[in-house]
Amino acid sequence: MLSLAKFIKKEIELRENLVGTGFIAPPDEKSEYNNRVTVMGEIVSTAGFEAENQYVFYEVLIPEEGGWTFEDYNQYEMQGIGQNESTSEFNKRKSVTHVSVANVEASTDAEDPEGTQMVSHFCFPFDYQFLAK
């Protein structure tokens, strides 16, 4: 039978493992940026286009006024990457999804006389880190 001290130690270790330690630290006090914003999302689908094969090309733009900037580097994002590739800058700000073949599905538009539309489905998650003054 486990002693009470071993039991408590095991419970503490279990709870520590549930929380984890892989959190991004807030900007330090010396930095001119004092806020971090994380944007997570997913490109799910397109609808109403006539093309059979579809893909989404997107670009993230941030305002120049107000002190916004991309957080280009954090230790968790770069984990396991030896050298910073020349394409990583492009991939942070612009990207393209895979090609999806559109299916004919029921239209949600009440004014559509046919009642159907072309819909392409994607599974394209994204995650951006921004710093602001």
N, C-alpha and C. Protein backbone atom coordinates (compact mmCIF):
# COMPACT_ATOMS: atom_id res chain seq x y z
N MET A 1 0.84 -1.18 0.00
CA MET A 1 0.00 0.00 0.00
C MET A 1 0.89 1.24 0.00
N LEU A 2 0.51 2.22 -0.82
CA LEU A 2 1.29 3.45 -0.93
C LEU A 2 1.12 4.29 0.32
N SER A 3 2.21 4.91 0.70
CA SER A 3 2.11 5.82 1.83
C SER A 3 1.42 7.09 1.38
N LEU A 4 0.93 7.87 2.31
CA LEU A 4 0.22 9.10 2.00
C LEU A 4 1.12 10.09 1.26
N ALA A 5 2.39 10.19 1.63
CA ALA A 5 3.33 11.10 0.98
C ALA A 5 3.54 10.72 -0.48
N LYS A 6 3.69 9.41 -0.76
CA LYS A 6 3.87 8.95 -2.14
C LYS A 6 2.62 9.21 -2.96
N PHE A 7 1.46 9.01 -2.34
CA PHE A 7 0.20 9.24 -3.02
C PHE A 7 0.06 10.71 -3.40
N ILE A 8 0.36 11.60 -2.47
CA ILE A 8 0.25 13.04 -2.72
C ILE A 8 1.25 13.46 -3.80
N LYS A 9 2.47 12.94 -3.73
CA LYS A 9 3.48 13.26 -4.73
C LYS A 9 3.02 12.81 -6.12
N LYS A 10 2.44 11.63 -6.19
CA LYS A 10 1.96 11.11 -7.46
C LYS A 10 0.82 11.97 -8.00
N GLU A 11 -0.08 12.42 -7.13
CA GLU A 11 -1.19 13.29 -7.54
C GLU A 11 -0.67 14.64 -8.06
N ILE A 12 0.33 15.19 -7.39
CA ILE A 12 0.91 16.47 -7.82
C ILE A 12 1.56 16.31 -9.18
N GLU A 13 2.32 15.25 -9.39
CA GLU A 13 2.96 15.00 -10.69
C GLU A 13 1.92 14.83 -11.79
N LEU A 14 0.85 14.13 -11.50
CA LEU A 14 -0.22 13.92 -12.47
C LEU A 14 -0.83 15.26 -12.88
N ARG A 15 -1.12 16.12 -11.92
CA ARG A 15 -1.73 17.42 -12.23
C ARG A 15 -0.76 18.32 -12.98
N GLU A 16 0.52 18.26 -12.64
CA GLU A 16 1.51 19.05 -13.38
C GLU A 16 1.58 18.61 -14.84
N ASN A 17 1.49 17.32 -15.07
CA ASN A 17 1.55 16.79 -16.43
C ASN A 17 0.30 17.14 -17.23
N LEU A 18 -0.83 17.30 -16.57
CA LEU A 18 -2.05 17.67 -17.26
C LEU A 18 -1.99 19.10 -17.79
N VAL A 19 -1.36 19.99 -17.03
CA VAL A 19 -1.29 21.40 -17.43
C VAL A 19 -0.22 21.61 -18.48
N GLY A 20 0.94 21.06 -18.29
CA GLY A 20 2.03 21.23 -19.26
C GLY A 20 2.82 22.51 -19.00
N THR A 21 3.88 22.68 -19.76
CA THR A 21 4.75 23.84 -19.59
C THR A 21 4.99 24.58 -20.90
N GLY A 22 4.36 24.20 -21.98
CA GLY A 22 4.62 24.78 -23.29
C GLY A 22 3.84 26.03 -23.59
N PHE A 23 3.85 26.99 -22.69
CA PHE A 23 3.15 28.24 -22.90
C PHE A 23 4.11 29.31 -23.37
N ILE A 24 3.63 30.19 -24.23
CA ILE A 24 4.45 31.30 -24.70
C ILE A 24 4.41 32.39 -23.64
N ALA A 25 5.58 32.84 -23.23
CA ALA A 25 5.66 33.88 -22.20
C ALA A 25 5.19 35.21 -22.77
N PRO A 26 4.61 36.07 -21.93
CA PRO A 26 4.23 37.39 -22.41
C PRO A 26 5.46 38.20 -22.77
N PRO A 27 5.30 39.24 -23.59
CA PRO A 27 6.46 40.07 -23.92
C PRO A 27 7.11 40.61 -22.65
N ASP A 28 8.43 40.64 -22.63
CA ASP A 28 9.11 41.10 -21.42
C ASP A 28 8.95 42.62 -21.26
N GLU A 29 9.24 43.11 -20.06
CA GLU A 29 9.03 44.51 -19.71
C GLU A 29 9.93 45.45 -20.51
N LYS A 30 11.05 44.96 -21.01
CA LYS A 30 11.98 45.79 -21.77
C LYS A 30 11.52 46.00 -23.22
N SER A 31 10.62 45.15 -23.68
CA SER A 31 10.17 45.21 -25.07
C SER A 31 9.24 46.41 -25.28
N GLU A 32 9.31 46.98 -26.48
CA GLU A 32 8.39 48.06 -26.81
C GLU A 32 6.98 47.55 -27.05
N TYR A 33 6.83 46.26 -27.30
CA TYR A 33 5.52 45.66 -27.50
C TYR A 33 5.04 45.08 -26.18
N ASN A 34 3.83 45.45 -25.79
CA ASN A 34 3.35 44.99 -24.49
C ASN A 34 2.09 44.12 -24.59
N ASN A 35 1.66 43.80 -25.80
CA ASN A 35 0.49 42.94 -25.98
C ASN A 35 0.78 41.88 -27.04
N ARG A 36 0.25 40.70 -26.80
CA ARG A 36 0.34 39.62 -27.78
C ARG A 36 -1.09 39.19 -28.11
N VAL A 37 -1.36 39.04 -29.38
CA VAL A 37 -2.66 38.59 -29.84
C VAL A 37 -2.46 37.31 -30.64
N THR A 38 -3.22 36.29 -30.31
CA THR A 38 -3.17 35.03 -31.03
C THR A 38 -4.47 34.87 -31.82
N VAL A 39 -4.35 34.59 -33.10
CA VAL A 39 -5.51 34.37 -33.95
C VAL A 39 -5.43 32.94 -34.47
N MET A 40 -6.44 32.16 -34.15
CA MET A 40 -6.52 30.78 -34.63
C MET A 40 -7.81 30.64 -35.42
N GLY A 41 -7.71 29.93 -36.52
CA GLY A 41 -8.90 29.73 -37.34
C GLY A 41 -8.71 28.59 -38.30
N GLU A 42 -9.69 28.43 -39.16
CA GLU A 42 -9.63 27.35 -40.15
C GLU A 42 -10.43 27.77 -41.37
N ILE A 43 -9.87 27.53 -42.53
CA ILE A 43 -10.60 27.70 -43.78
C ILE A 43 -11.37 26.40 -43.99
N VAL A 44 -12.67 26.50 -43.98
CA VAL A 44 -13.52 25.30 -43.99
C VAL A 44 -14.10 25.00 -45.36
N SER A 45 -14.67 26.01 -46.03
CA SER A 45 -15.31 25.72 -47.31
C SER A 45 -15.46 26.99 -48.15
N THR A 46 -15.72 26.78 -49.44
CA THR A 46 -16.11 27.84 -50.36
C THR A 46 -17.41 27.42 -51.00
N ALA A 47 -18.23 28.39 -51.34
CA ALA A 47 -19.52 28.07 -51.95
C ALA A 47 -19.88 29.12 -52.99
N GLY A 48 -20.58 28.68 -54.03
CA GLY A 48 -21.11 29.60 -55.02
C GLY A 48 -20.19 29.89 -56.19
N PHE A 49 -19.04 29.29 -56.26
CA PHE A 49 -18.14 29.49 -57.40
C PHE A 49 -18.46 28.45 -58.47
N GLU A 50 -18.19 28.79 -59.71
CA GLU A 50 -18.53 27.91 -60.83
C GLU A 50 -17.47 26.85 -61.12
N ALA A 51 -16.23 27.09 -60.70
CA ALA A 51 -15.14 26.17 -61.03
C ALA A 51 -15.30 24.84 -60.29
N GLU A 52 -14.89 23.78 -60.96
CA GLU A 52 -14.99 22.46 -60.34
C GLU A 52 -13.86 22.23 -59.33
N ASN A 53 -12.65 22.65 -59.68
CA ASN A 53 -11.50 22.54 -58.78
C ASN A 53 -11.22 23.91 -58.18
N GLN A 54 -11.17 23.97 -56.86
CA GLN A 54 -11.00 25.25 -56.19
C GLN A 54 -9.89 25.16 -55.15
N TYR A 55 -9.22 26.28 -54.95
CA TYR A 55 -8.27 26.43 -53.86
C TYR A 55 -8.38 27.86 -53.38
N VAL A 56 -7.89 28.12 -52.16
CA VAL A 56 -7.94 29.45 -51.57
C VAL A 56 -6.52 29.94 -51.39
N PHE A 57 -6.22 31.10 -51.95
CA PHE A 57 -4.96 31.78 -51.71
C PHE A 57 -5.29 32.96 -50.81
N TYR A 58 -4.60 33.07 -49.67
CA TYR A 58 -4.91 34.18 -48.77
C TYR A 58 -3.64 34.87 -48.32
N GLU A 59 -3.81 36.10 -47.89
CA GLU A 59 -2.71 36.92 -47.38
C GLU A 59 -3.20 37.66 -46.15
N VAL A 60 -2.39 37.69 -45.11
CA VAL A 60 -2.74 38.40 -43.88
C VAL A 60 -2.03 39.74 -43.88
N LEU A 61 -2.82 40.80 -43.79
CA LEU A 61 -2.29 42.16 -43.73
C LEU A 61 -2.65 42.76 -42.38
N ILE A 62 -1.73 43.49 -41.80
CA ILE A 62 -2.00 44.16 -40.53
C ILE A 62 -1.81 45.66 -40.71
N PRO A 63 -2.51 46.46 -39.90
CA PRO A 63 -2.39 47.91 -40.06
C PRO A 63 -0.99 48.41 -39.68
N GLU A 64 -0.52 49.38 -40.45
CA GLU A 64 0.78 49.96 -40.15
C GLU A 64 0.69 50.90 -38.95
N GLU A 65 -0.45 51.57 -38.80
CA GLU A 65 -0.64 52.44 -37.65
C GLU A 65 -0.99 51.60 -36.43
N GLY A 66 -0.64 52.07 -35.27
CA GLY A 66 -1.01 51.38 -34.05
C GLY A 66 0.05 50.43 -33.52
N GLY A 67 1.15 50.29 -34.24
CA GLY A 67 2.24 49.48 -33.71
C GLY A 67 2.06 47.99 -33.80
N TRP A 68 1.30 47.49 -34.76
CA TRP A 68 1.12 46.05 -34.92
C TRP A 68 2.28 45.46 -35.71
N THR A 69 2.66 44.24 -35.36
CA THR A 69 3.70 43.51 -36.09
C THR A 69 3.47 42.01 -35.92
N PHE A 70 3.99 41.24 -36.86
CA PHE A 70 3.97 39.79 -36.73
C PHE A 70 5.02 39.39 -35.71
N GLU A 71 4.71 38.40 -34.90
CA GLU A 71 5.74 37.83 -34.05
C GLU A 71 6.44 36.78 -34.90
N ASP A 72 7.61 37.13 -35.40
CA ASP A 72 8.29 36.28 -36.36
C ASP A 72 8.94 35.06 -35.73
N TYR A 73 9.24 35.13 -34.45
CA TYR A 73 9.97 34.02 -33.86
C TYR A 73 9.52 33.83 -32.43
N ASN A 74 9.21 32.63 -32.06
CA ASN A 74 9.11 32.26 -30.66
C ASN A 74 9.64 30.83 -30.53
N GLN A 75 10.11 30.50 -29.37
CA GLN A 75 10.83 29.24 -29.20
C GLN A 75 9.96 28.02 -29.46
N TYR A 76 8.65 28.11 -29.28
CA TYR A 76 7.79 26.96 -29.49
C TYR A 76 7.49 26.75 -30.97
N GLU A 77 7.37 27.84 -31.70
CA GLU A 77 7.10 27.76 -33.12
C GLU A 77 8.30 27.20 -33.88
N MET A 78 9.49 27.53 -33.45
CA MET A 78 10.70 27.14 -34.16
C MET A 78 11.30 25.84 -33.62
N GLN A 79 10.65 25.19 -32.70
CA GLN A 79 11.17 23.96 -32.13
C GLN A 79 11.34 22.90 -33.21
N GLY A 80 12.49 22.31 -33.28
CA GLY A 80 12.74 21.25 -34.24
C GLY A 80 13.18 21.73 -35.61
N ILE A 81 13.26 23.04 -35.80
CA ILE A 81 13.70 23.58 -37.09
C ILE A 81 15.13 24.06 -36.94
N GLY A 82 16.02 23.52 -37.77
CA GLY A 82 17.43 23.87 -37.66
C GLY A 82 17.73 25.25 -38.21
N GLN A 83 17.46 25.45 -39.47
CA GLN A 83 17.72 26.73 -40.13
C GLN A 83 16.41 27.37 -40.53
N ASN A 84 16.37 28.69 -40.47
CA ASN A 84 15.19 29.41 -40.91
C ASN A 84 15.18 29.41 -42.43
N GLU A 85 14.21 28.77 -43.03
CA GLU A 85 14.15 28.66 -44.48
C GLU A 85 13.75 30.00 -45.10
N SER A 86 14.14 30.21 -46.34
CA SER A 86 13.80 31.45 -47.02
C SER A 86 12.30 31.54 -47.30
N THR A 87 11.60 30.42 -47.34
CA THR A 87 10.16 30.44 -47.61
C THR A 87 9.33 30.64 -46.35
N SER A 88 9.91 30.54 -45.18
CA SER A 88 9.10 30.64 -43.97
C SER A 88 8.48 32.01 -43.80
N GLU A 89 9.16 33.07 -44.24
CA GLU A 89 8.59 34.41 -44.16
C GLU A 89 7.34 34.52 -45.03
N PHE A 90 7.41 33.99 -46.24
CA PHE A 90 6.26 33.97 -47.13
C PHE A 90 5.12 33.16 -46.52
N ASN A 91 5.44 31.99 -45.99
CA ASN A 91 4.41 31.10 -45.46
C ASN A 91 3.73 31.65 -44.22
N LYS A 92 4.38 32.56 -43.51
CA LYS A 92 3.74 33.16 -42.35
C LYS A 92 2.64 34.13 -42.75
N ARG A 93 2.82 34.82 -43.85
CA ARG A 93 1.92 35.90 -44.21
C ARG A 93 0.98 35.55 -45.37
N LYS A 94 1.38 34.62 -46.20
CA LYS A 94 0.58 34.22 -47.36
C LYS A 94 0.60 32.70 -47.43
N SER A 95 -0.47 32.13 -47.91
CA SER A 95 -0.46 30.69 -48.09
C SER A 95 -1.57 30.30 -49.06
N VAL A 96 -1.57 29.05 -49.41
CA VAL A 96 -2.57 28.53 -50.34
C VAL A 96 -3.00 27.15 -49.83
N THR A 97 -4.30 26.88 -49.96
CA THR A 97 -4.82 25.59 -49.52
C THR A 97 -4.59 24.54 -50.60
N HIS A 98 -4.95 23.33 -50.30
CA HIS A 98 -4.92 22.26 -51.31
C HIS A 98 -6.07 22.47 -52.29
N VAL A 99 -6.03 21.80 -53.40
CA VAL A 99 -7.10 21.87 -54.40
C VAL A 99 -8.22 20.92 -53.94
N SER A 100 -9.43 21.44 -53.98
CA SER A 100 -10.58 20.65 -53.58
C SER A 100 -11.56 20.57 -54.75
N VAL A 101 -12.09 19.38 -55.00
CA VAL A 101 -13.08 19.21 -56.06
C VAL A 101 -14.45 19.56 -55.47
N ALA A 102 -15.14 20.47 -56.14
CA ALA A 102 -16.42 20.95 -55.65
C ALA A 102 -17.51 19.89 -55.83
N ASN A 103 -18.45 19.88 -54.90
CA ASN A 103 -19.62 19.01 -54.96
C ASN A 103 -20.86 19.88 -55.12
N VAL A 104 -21.87 19.35 -55.73
CA VAL A 104 -23.14 20.06 -55.83
C VAL A 104 -23.92 19.78 -54.54
N GLU A 105 -24.28 20.86 -53.84
CA GLU A 105 -25.02 20.74 -52.58
C GLU A 105 -26.21 21.68 -52.61
N ALA A 106 -27.12 21.47 -51.71
CA ALA A 106 -28.31 22.32 -51.62
C ALA A 106 -27.88 23.74 -51.26
N SER A 107 -28.49 24.70 -51.90
CA SER A 107 -28.16 26.10 -51.68
C SER A 107 -28.89 26.65 -50.46
N THR A 108 -28.23 27.52 -49.74
CA THR A 108 -28.86 28.17 -48.59
C THR A 108 -29.45 29.52 -48.98
N ASP A 109 -29.25 29.93 -50.22
CA ASP A 109 -29.75 31.20 -50.73
C ASP A 109 -31.20 31.02 -51.21
N ALA A 110 -32.14 31.76 -50.61
CA ALA A 110 -33.55 31.63 -50.95
C ALA A 110 -33.85 32.14 -52.35
N GLU A 111 -32.99 33.04 -52.87
CA GLU A 111 -33.23 33.61 -54.19
C GLU A 111 -32.64 32.76 -55.32
N ASP A 112 -32.00 31.65 -54.98
CA ASP A 112 -31.39 30.78 -55.99
C ASP A 112 -32.48 29.93 -56.65
N PRO A 113 -32.73 30.12 -57.95
CA PRO A 113 -33.82 29.37 -58.60
C PRO A 113 -33.55 27.87 -58.71
N GLU A 114 -32.28 27.49 -58.85
CA GLU A 114 -31.96 26.06 -59.00
C GLU A 114 -31.97 25.33 -57.67
N GLY A 115 -31.64 26.03 -56.59
CA GLY A 115 -31.62 25.41 -55.26
C GLY A 115 -30.36 24.63 -54.97
N THR A 116 -29.35 24.71 -55.86
CA THR A 116 -28.08 24.02 -55.62
C THR A 116 -26.92 24.98 -55.86
N GLN A 117 -25.77 24.62 -55.35
CA GLN A 117 -24.56 25.40 -55.57
C GLN A 117 -23.34 24.49 -55.47
N MET A 118 -22.22 24.95 -56.04
CA MET A 118 -20.97 24.21 -55.96
C MET A 118 -20.29 24.56 -54.62
N VAL A 119 -19.90 23.53 -53.86
CA VAL A 119 -19.26 23.73 -52.56
C VAL A 119 -17.99 22.89 -52.50
N SER A 120 -16.89 23.53 -52.12
CA SER A 120 -15.63 22.82 -51.90
C SER A 120 -15.31 22.84 -50.41
N HIS A 121 -14.85 21.72 -49.90
CA HIS A 121 -14.53 21.62 -48.47
C HIS A 121 -13.02 21.54 -48.28
N PHE A 122 -12.55 22.25 -47.26
CA PHE A 122 -11.13 22.28 -46.92
C PHE A 122 -10.98 21.95 -45.44
N CYS A 123 -9.79 21.64 -45.07
CA CYS A 123 -9.41 21.51 -43.66
C CYS A 123 -8.05 22.18 -43.56
N PHE A 124 -8.07 23.51 -43.38
CA PHE A 124 -6.83 24.28 -43.44
C PHE A 124 -6.73 25.18 -42.22
N PRO A 125 -6.17 24.67 -41.13
CA PRO A 125 -6.05 25.50 -39.93
C PRO A 125 -4.91 26.51 -40.06
N PHE A 126 -5.04 27.63 -39.36
CA PHE A 126 -3.97 28.63 -39.30
C PHE A 126 -3.88 29.19 -37.90
N ASP A 127 -2.71 29.71 -37.58
CA ASP A 127 -2.42 30.25 -36.26
C ASP A 127 -1.43 31.40 -36.44
N TYR A 128 -1.83 32.59 -36.04
CA TYR A 128 -0.95 33.75 -36.16
C TYR A 128 -0.73 34.38 -34.80
N GLN A 129 0.48 34.86 -34.60
CA GLN A 129 0.85 35.59 -33.39
C GLN A 129 1.18 37.03 -33.81
N PHE A 130 0.55 37.99 -33.16
CA PHE A 130 0.81 39.40 -33.42
C PHE A 130 1.28 40.06 -32.14
N LEU A 131 2.11 41.05 -32.28
CA LEU A 131 2.52 41.89 -31.14
C LEU A 131 2.02 43.29 -31.41
N ALA A 132 1.62 43.98 -30.34
CA ALA A 132 1.12 45.35 -30.47
C ALA A 132 1.70 46.22 -29.36
N LYS A 133 1.84 47.51 -29.67
CA LYS A 133 2.34 48.45 -28.67
C LYS A 133 1.21 48.87 -27.76
